[in-house]
């Protein structure tokens, strides 16, 4: 009888050890889920609390951040950005545009910038008011590649034209890239895009950007962001 008790001791200790590891793993998972939920809620709050500057500032140029083309024509969402930029132009808030967007490989033969140019010139904007940036494939690259073009043209101040759900991240990226401190992101509200879908996507995109920013500050090259 005494020998049987001794033989069970190591087995019980192994069971307790495994159970302890399982409890630790569950606690880590619970903390990770709580942190993820808090972070997502914070980003949703940040995205939804964006407010358009009032009054809208005047600038030398507006950088219109690209979006998809459909059969070489601006998608409904991109048209909203372009129409908002056109409104700024007609009101005298901006004099020039940088149209930023490369080829999105969705079947269009034009770059996003070329599609935007065609749309705006058809609306009466002179071609010499438009500068094309055709290499970018993400918001980060939109702003990275557009900044030298603005400097080359001698434009000291610009505004960023996009949608409201995208404006906070665009402004954050511009700040990282050392755009002038008074650079504003102007975000129009969409009448054609799904708010729930785009806010969910933006939470993921903003999270990826903050991770990319951390790696960039550490000197590590990162792949394209959203």
Protein backbone atom coordinates (compact mmCIF):
# COMPACT_ATOMS: atom_id res chain seq x y z
CA UNK A 1 0.00 0.00 0.00
CA UNK A 2 2.78 2.40 0.94
CA UNK A 3 4.62 1.63 -2.29
CA UNK A 4 1.51 2.44 -4.36
CA UNK A 5 1.25 5.91 -2.81
CA UNK A 6 4.87 6.62 -3.63
CA UNK A 7 4.41 5.56 -7.25
CA UNK A 8 1.51 7.97 -7.74
CA UNK A 9 3.42 11.01 -6.45
CA UNK A 10 5.44 11.87 -9.59
CA UNK A 11 2.37 11.35 -11.77
CA UNK A 12 0.33 13.78 -9.68
CA UNK A 13 3.11 16.36 -9.86
CA UNK A 14 3.21 16.02 -13.66
CA UNK A 15 -0.55 16.49 -13.84
CA UNK A 16 -0.38 19.56 -11.62
CA UNK A 17 2.46 20.98 -13.74
CA UNK A 18 0.55 20.48 -16.98
CA UNK A 19 -2.61 21.93 -15.42
CA UNK A 20 -0.62 24.93 -14.23
CA UNK A 21 0.75 25.52 -17.75
CA UNK A 22 -2.76 25.30 -19.17
CA UNK A 23 -4.05 27.87 -16.66
CA UNK A 24 -1.13 30.18 -17.53
CA UNK A 25 -1.83 29.83 -21.25
CA UNK A 26 -5.52 30.59 -20.71
CA UNK A 27 -4.61 33.68 -18.70
CA UNK A 28 -2.25 34.89 -21.42
CA UNK A 29 -4.94 34.37 -24.04
CA UNK A 30 -7.49 36.21 -21.90
CA UNK A 31 -5.13 39.16 -21.41
CA UNK A 32 -4.30 39.23 -25.12
CA UNK A 33 -8.00 39.20 -26.02
CA UNK A 34 -8.71 42.00 -23.53
CA UNK A 35 -5.84 44.13 -24.87
CA UNK A 36 -6.99 43.48 -28.46
CA UNK A 37 -10.55 44.45 -27.60
CA UNK A 38 -9.37 47.63 -25.84
CA UNK A 39 -7.11 48.57 -28.77
CA UNK A 40 -9.87 47.97 -31.32
CA UNK A 41 -12.34 50.01 -29.28
CA UNK A 42 -9.80 52.83 -28.98
CA UNK A 43 -9.20 52.86 -32.74
CA UNK A 44 -12.92 52.81 -33.51
CA UNK A 45 -13.38 55.73 -31.12
CA UNK A 46 -10.49 57.58 -32.81
CA UNK A 47 -11.81 56.90 -36.32
CA UNK A 48 -15.37 57.93 -35.45
CA UNK A 49 -14.29 61.09 -33.65
CA UNK A 50 -12.60 62.58 -36.69
CA UNK A 51 -13.87 66.09 -37.40
CA UNK A 52 -13.30 68.13 -40.53
CA UNK A 53 -11.25 71.28 -39.85
CA UNK A 54 -13.48 74.33 -39.60
CA UNK A 55 -12.79 76.48 -41.47
CA UNK A 56 -11.18 74.37 -44.16
CA UNK A 57 -7.64 75.69 -44.59
CA UNK A 58 -6.30 77.09 -47.83
CA UNK A 59 -3.29 75.30 -49.31
CA UNK A 60 -1.07 75.35 -52.36
CA UNK A 61 -2.19 71.86 -53.34
CA UNK A 62 -4.31 68.91 -52.32
CA UNK A 63 -2.92 65.39 -52.34
CA UNK A 64 -5.80 63.12 -53.33
CA UNK A 65 -5.13 59.64 -52.01
CA UNK A 66 -5.93 56.99 -54.58
CA UNK A 67 -8.46 54.18 -54.50
CA UNK A 68 -9.57 51.54 -56.97
CA UNK A 69 -10.39 52.08 -60.62
CA UNK A 70 -13.20 50.10 -62.19
CA UNK A 71 -12.48 49.45 -65.88
CA UNK A 72 -10.14 52.46 -65.95
CA UNK A 73 -12.77 54.70 -64.36
CA UNK A 74 -12.71 55.92 -60.74
CA UNK A 75 -14.75 53.67 -58.48
CA UNK A 76 -17.70 55.30 -56.66
CA UNK A 77 -15.57 55.76 -53.54
CA UNK A 78 -12.73 57.37 -55.47
CA UNK A 79 -15.19 59.66 -57.25
CA UNK A 80 -16.26 60.96 -53.85
CA UNK A 81 -12.68 61.94 -53.06
CA UNK A 82 -12.26 63.55 -56.47
CA UNK A 83 -15.53 65.46 -56.22
CA UNK A 84 -14.52 66.74 -52.80
CA UNK A 85 -11.15 67.82 -54.18
CA UNK A 86 -12.91 69.50 -57.09
CA UNK A 87 -15.10 71.38 -54.63
CA UNK A 88 -12.01 72.64 -52.79
CA UNK A 89 -10.53 73.76 -56.11
CA UNK A 90 -13.65 75.65 -57.17
CA UNK A 91 -13.90 77.33 -53.78
CA UNK A 92 -10.31 78.54 -54.05
CA UNK A 93 -8.99 76.45 -51.14
CA UNK A 94 -6.40 74.76 -53.36
CA UNK A 95 -4.76 75.65 -56.66
CA UNK A 96 -3.14 72.37 -57.65
CA UNK A 97 -3.48 68.64 -57.12
CA UNK A 98 -1.11 65.76 -56.59
CA UNK A 99 -2.95 62.64 -57.71
CA UNK A 100 -1.41 59.70 -55.90
CA UNK A 101 -1.90 56.06 -56.84
CA UNK A 102 -0.19 53.39 -58.89
CA UNK A 103 -1.52 50.31 -60.68
CA UNK A 104 -3.78 48.23 -58.46
CA UNK A 105 -3.71 45.12 -60.70
CA UNK A 106 -7.50 44.70 -60.77
CA UNK A 107 -7.70 44.67 -64.55
CA UNK A 108 -7.38 48.41 -65.15
CA UNK A 109 -4.82 49.47 -67.73
CA UNK A 110 -4.33 52.90 -66.15
CA UNK A 111 -2.74 53.86 -62.88
CA UNK A 112 -5.06 55.30 -60.26
CA UNK A 113 -3.39 58.67 -60.82
CA UNK A 114 -4.10 58.53 -64.56
CA UNK A 115 -7.74 57.61 -63.92
CA UNK A 116 -8.06 60.53 -61.51
CA UNK A 117 -6.44 62.90 -64.03
CA UNK A 118 -8.90 61.89 -66.74
CA UNK A 119 -11.82 62.43 -64.39
CA UNK A 120 -10.73 65.88 -63.27
CA UNK A 121 -9.78 67.15 -66.72
CA UNK A 122 -13.22 66.05 -67.95
CA UNK A 123 -14.64 68.23 -65.16
CA UNK A 124 -12.71 71.24 -66.42
CA UNK A 125 -9.52 71.21 -64.34
CA UNK A 126 -6.56 72.23 -66.55
CA UNK A 127 -3.98 69.47 -66.99
CA UNK A 128 -1.19 71.82 -65.86
CA UNK A 129 -2.82 71.94 -62.42
CA UNK A 130 -2.32 68.20 -61.95
CA UNK A 131 0.83 66.36 -60.87
CA UNK A 132 0.74 62.57 -61.06
CA UNK A 133 2.37 60.18 -58.59
CA UNK A 134 2.05 56.70 -60.12
CA UNK A 135 4.27 54.43 -58.04
CA UNK A 136 2.45 54.07 -54.74
CA UNK A 137 0.52 51.01 -53.65
CA UNK A 138 -0.46 52.00 -50.11
CA UNK A 139 -1.34 55.04 -48.03
CA UNK A 140 2.20 55.10 -46.65
CA UNK A 141 3.64 55.17 -50.18
CA UNK A 142 1.03 57.74 -51.30
CA UNK A 143 2.44 60.17 -48.79
CA UNK A 144 6.07 59.04 -49.03
CA UNK A 145 6.22 59.58 -52.81
CA UNK A 146 4.02 62.71 -52.92
CA UNK A 147 6.10 64.75 -50.49
CA UNK A 148 9.12 65.19 -52.84
CA UNK A 149 6.77 66.20 -55.67
CA UNK A 150 5.30 68.97 -53.53
CA UNK A 151 8.77 70.16 -52.54
CA UNK A 152 9.90 70.11 -56.17
CA UNK A 153 6.96 72.31 -57.15
CA UNK A 154 7.71 74.73 -54.33
CA UNK A 155 4.41 74.03 -52.56
CA UNK A 156 4.93 74.81 -48.89
CA UNK A 157 1.59 73.60 -47.61
CA UNK A 158 -0.75 70.86 -48.73
CA UNK A 159 -3.92 69.19 -47.54
CA UNK A 160 -4.71 65.48 -47.78
CA UNK A 161 -7.99 64.50 -49.40
CA UNK A 162 -9.55 61.17 -48.49
CA UNK A 163 -12.57 59.75 -46.58
CA UNK A 164 -13.33 60.54 -42.96
CA UNK A 165 -12.65 56.96 -41.75
CA UNK A 166 -9.20 57.11 -43.38
CA UNK A 167 -8.23 60.65 -42.42
CA UNK A 168 -6.78 59.98 -38.95
CA UNK A 169 -4.37 57.31 -40.19
CA UNK A 170 -3.36 59.47 -43.17
CA UNK A 171 -2.58 62.36 -40.82
CA UNK A 172 -0.59 60.05 -38.54
CA UNK A 173 1.51 58.79 -41.44
CA UNK A 174 2.07 62.36 -42.68
CA UNK A 175 3.30 63.31 -39.22
CA UNK A 176 5.75 60.39 -39.22
CA UNK A 177 7.01 61.45 -42.67
CA UNK A 178 7.64 64.96 -41.34
CA UNK A 179 5.05 66.83 -43.36
CA UNK A 180 4.63 70.40 -42.07
CA UNK A 181 2.98 70.41 -38.65
CA UNK A 182 -0.07 72.29 -39.98
CA UNK A 183 -0.84 69.66 -42.67
CA UNK A 184 -4.51 68.69 -42.40
CA UNK A 185 -6.30 65.56 -43.58
CA UNK A 186 -9.68 66.43 -45.05
CA UNK A 187 -12.03 63.47 -44.94
CA UNK A 188 -15.32 63.48 -46.80
CA UNK A 189 -18.21 61.31 -45.62
CA UNK A 190 -19.14 58.50 -47.98
CA UNK A 191 -22.60 57.91 -49.34
CA UNK A 192 -21.63 54.78 -51.27
CA UNK A 193 -19.23 52.82 -49.04
CA UNK A 194 -20.18 50.50 -46.18
CA UNK A 195 -19.29 52.23 -42.92
CA UNK A 196 -19.05 48.97 -40.96
CA UNK A 197 -16.86 47.28 -43.57
CA UNK A 198 -14.50 50.20 -43.96
CA UNK A 199 -14.19 50.92 -40.25
CA UNK A 200 -13.35 47.27 -39.60
CA UNK A 201 -10.76 47.32 -42.36
CA UNK A 202 -9.38 50.60 -41.05
CA UNK A 203 -8.87 49.12 -37.56
CA UNK A 204 -6.74 46.38 -39.14
CA UNK A 205 -4.93 48.85 -41.39
CA UNK A 206 -4.23 51.28 -38.53
CA UNK A 207 -2.92 48.43 -36.38
CA UNK A 208 -0.63 47.28 -39.17
CA UNK A 209 0.58 50.84 -39.70
CA UNK A 210 1.53 51.24 -36.02
CA UNK A 211 3.47 47.96 -36.19
CA UNK A 212 5.12 49.12 -39.42
CA UNK A 213 5.98 52.45 -37.79
CA UNK A 214 7.64 50.66 -34.90
CA UNK A 215 9.73 48.58 -37.29
CA UNK A 216 10.63 51.61 -39.39
CA UNK A 217 11.85 53.45 -36.29
CA UNK A 218 14.00 50.40 -35.54
CA UNK A 219 15.50 50.65 -39.04
CA UNK A 220 13.70 47.58 -40.37
CA UNK A 221 12.20 47.85 -43.85
CA UNK A 222 8.57 46.82 -43.96
CA UNK A 223 6.33 45.64 -46.79
CA UNK A 224 3.57 47.81 -48.23
CA UNK A 225 0.95 48.90 -45.77
CA UNK A 226 -2.75 49.38 -46.59
